[in-house]
Amino acid sequence: MKTESGGAVATQAAPAAAPAAAAPAAAGATPAAPAAGEGAKPAESGKPEVDDYKPNSTMIEMVVNFLMRVALITAEPKETAALSERCVKLLDKALGIWQGAVLKFQYFEKVIEKSENHPANLHMGLEIFNVLLERQMVKVTPNIE
């Protein structure tokens, strides 16, 4: 709404509608459809609808590499240590969902090389490496001569 001088005037939101149970129903009226997000109904077969979306390999690679980078970057400051731990947990979940995900270790190596005096970054690097070993994403072979 605008005033005569052209300035904007704040308006109040319309009051919420009364619940359907409180209003008397007219004879022969059909019930209102539920609002979005309310009472999601299963498909006609009785099973819930399944979202069959699958991201392509490039998107999967971007997600897992992003999680790895953020986990390493945020390990140092105490304020963001929880974010770092959360990223490692999400990385573990993502690798559980997308077993064929490709991780780029160039960034991992750069951060670890620069972490000479930062034990938090080294610790997080080991946490990430542990997740990769648990998911069998990295195969370790002994160097026996």
Protein backbone atom coordinates (compact mmCIF):
# COMPACT_ATOMS: atom_id res chain seq x y z
CA MET A 1 0.00 0.00 0.00
CA LYS A 2 1.26 3.51 -0.77
CA THR A 3 0.45 6.84 0.82
CA GLU A 4 -0.65 9.88 -1.15
CA SER A 5 2.95 11.09 -1.18
CA GLY A 6 4.08 7.80 -2.75
CA GLY A 7 5.80 6.32 0.34
CA ALA A 8 5.35 2.69 1.29
CA VAL A 9 3.24 1.79 4.29
CA ALA A 10 3.59 -1.46 6.19
CA THR A 11 0.43 -3.51 6.21
CA GLN A 12 -0.59 -6.21 8.61
CA ALA A 13 -0.85 -9.77 7.39
CA ALA A 14 -4.33 -11.17 7.03
CA PRO A 15 -5.41 -13.15 10.09
CA ALA A 16 -4.96 -16.91 9.79
CA ALA A 17 -8.01 -18.84 8.78
CA ALA A 18 -9.83 -20.66 11.54
CA PRO A 19 -9.32 -24.42 11.68
CA ALA A 20 -11.71 -26.37 9.48
CA ALA A 21 -13.09 -28.26 12.48
CA ALA A 22 -14.23 -25.01 14.12
CA ALA A 23 -16.18 -23.80 11.09
CA PRO A 24 -19.55 -25.44 10.46
CA ALA A 25 -19.48 -27.47 7.26
CA ALA A 26 -22.08 -26.85 4.62
CA ALA A 27 -24.21 -29.80 3.66
CA GLY A 28 -22.63 -31.75 0.83
CA ALA A 29 -19.35 -29.75 0.95
CA THR A 30 -16.15 -31.57 0.14
CA PRO A 31 -13.26 -31.39 2.61
CA ALA A 32 -10.46 -29.00 1.80
CA ALA A 33 -7.17 -30.37 0.50
CA PRO A 34 -4.33 -30.39 3.06
CA ALA A 35 -1.81 -27.58 2.84
CA ALA A 36 1.61 -28.24 1.35
CA GLY A 37 3.73 -30.35 3.65
CA GLU A 38 0.74 -31.61 5.64
CA GLY A 39 -0.17 -35.25 5.54
CA ALA A 40 1.80 -36.38 2.53
CA LYS A 41 -0.19 -39.25 1.09
CA PRO A 42 1.39 -42.38 -0.29
CA ALA A 43 1.03 -43.21 -3.95
CA GLU A 44 -2.10 -45.06 -5.00
CA SER A 45 -0.26 -48.39 -4.71
CA GLY A 46 0.01 -47.83 -0.96
CA LYS A 47 3.79 -47.27 -1.01
CA PRO A 48 5.33 -43.85 -0.40
CA GLU A 49 6.61 -42.10 -3.48
CA VAL A 50 10.34 -42.60 -4.01
CA ASP A 51 12.51 -39.84 -5.36
CA ASP A 52 14.61 -41.49 -8.04
CA TYR A 53 16.94 -38.53 -8.57
CA LYS A 54 20.59 -39.52 -8.83
CA PRO A 55 23.29 -36.86 -9.20
CA ASN A 56 25.81 -37.36 -11.96
CA SER A 57 29.43 -38.27 -11.21
CA THR A 58 30.63 -34.67 -11.53
CA MET A 59 28.18 -33.47 -8.90
CA ILE A 60 29.13 -36.32 -6.56
CA GLU A 61 32.82 -35.50 -7.01
CA MET A 62 32.14 -31.83 -6.23
CA VAL A 63 30.22 -32.67 -3.04
CA VAL A 64 32.75 -35.09 -1.55
CA ASN A 65 35.73 -32.89 -2.44
CA PHE A 66 33.98 -29.84 -1.00
CA LEU A 67 33.34 -31.68 2.27
CA MET A 68 36.97 -32.78 2.44
CA ARG A 69 38.28 -29.25 1.79
CA VAL A 70 35.95 -27.59 4.31
CA ALA A 71 36.85 -30.18 6.95
CA LEU A 72 40.54 -29.40 6.47
CA ILE A 73 40.14 -25.61 6.29
CA THR A 74 37.95 -25.31 9.37
CA ALA A 75 39.99 -27.62 11.61
CA GLU A 76 42.37 -24.90 12.84
CA PRO A 77 40.20 -22.25 14.56
CA LYS A 78 38.42 -23.41 17.71
CA GLU A 79 35.25 -21.61 16.59
CA THR A 80 34.91 -23.82 13.51
CA ALA A 81 36.16 -27.14 14.89
CA ALA A 82 32.58 -28.44 15.20
CA LEU A 83 31.99 -27.63 11.54
CA SER A 84 35.10 -29.59 10.63
CA GLU A 85 33.90 -32.63 12.57
CA ARG A 86 30.46 -32.34 10.98
CA CYS A 87 32.03 -32.26 7.50
CA VAL A 88 33.92 -35.47 8.23
CA LYS A 89 30.67 -37.16 9.34
CA LEU A 90 28.92 -35.92 6.20
CA LEU A 91 31.84 -37.10 4.08
CA ASP A 92 31.49 -40.54 5.66
CA LYS A 93 27.75 -40.59 4.86
CA ALA A 94 28.34 -39.35 1.31
CA LEU A 95 30.93 -42.06 0.67
CA GLY A 96 28.48 -44.62 2.05
CA ILE A 97 25.83 -43.47 -0.43
CA TRP A 98 28.15 -42.95 -3.41
CA GLN A 99 30.77 -45.70 -3.18
CA GLY A 100 32.29 -44.78 -6.55
CA ALA A 101 33.03 -41.18 -5.59
CA VAL A 102 36.33 -39.75 -6.79
CA LEU A 103 38.40 -37.75 -4.31
CA LYS A 104 41.10 -35.40 -5.48
CA PHE A 105 44.04 -35.60 -3.12
CA GLN A 106 45.93 -32.59 -4.52
CA TYR A 107 44.16 -30.23 -2.12
CA PHE A 108 44.54 -32.72 0.72
CA GLU A 109 48.30 -32.85 0.13
CA LYS A 110 48.63 -29.04 -0.06
CA VAL A 111 46.89 -28.50 3.27
CA ILE A 112 48.80 -31.26 5.01
CA GLU A 113 52.15 -29.94 3.70
CA LYS A 114 51.38 -26.45 5.05
CA SER A 115 50.24 -27.85 8.42
CA GLU A 116 53.68 -28.28 9.95
CA ASN A 117 52.81 -26.38 13.12
CA HIS A 118 49.07 -26.96 13.18
CA PRO A 119 48.19 -30.22 14.90
CA ALA A 120 44.46 -29.64 14.39
CA ASN A 121 44.86 -29.79 10.60
CA LEU A 122 47.00 -32.92 10.86
CA HIS A 123 44.44 -34.51 13.17
CA MET A 124 41.62 -33.73 10.76
CA GLY A 125 43.66 -35.09 7.88
CA LEU A 126 44.05 -38.34 9.78
CA GLU A 127 40.31 -38.39 10.53
CA ILE A 128 39.54 -38.02 6.82
CA PHE A 129 42.09 -40.69 5.94
CA ASN A 130 40.52 -42.98 8.55
CA VAL A 131 37.10 -42.52 6.93
CA LEU A 132 38.60 -43.34 3.54
CA LEU A 133 40.23 -46.48 4.94
CA GLU A 134 36.98 -47.59 6.62
CA ARG A 135 35.14 -47.14 3.33
CA GLN A 136 38.00 -48.94 1.56
CA MET A 137 38.54 -45.94 -0.71
CA VAL A 138 42.29 -46.16 -0.15
CA LYS A 139 44.23 -49.36 -0.35
CA VAL A 140 47.39 -49.53 1.72
CA THR A 141 50.12 -51.89 0.59
CA PRO A 142 53.17 -52.48 2.73
CA ASN A 143 56.48 -51.41 1.26
CA ILE A 144 58.53 -54.50 2.05
CA GLU A 145 61.89 -54.93 0.41
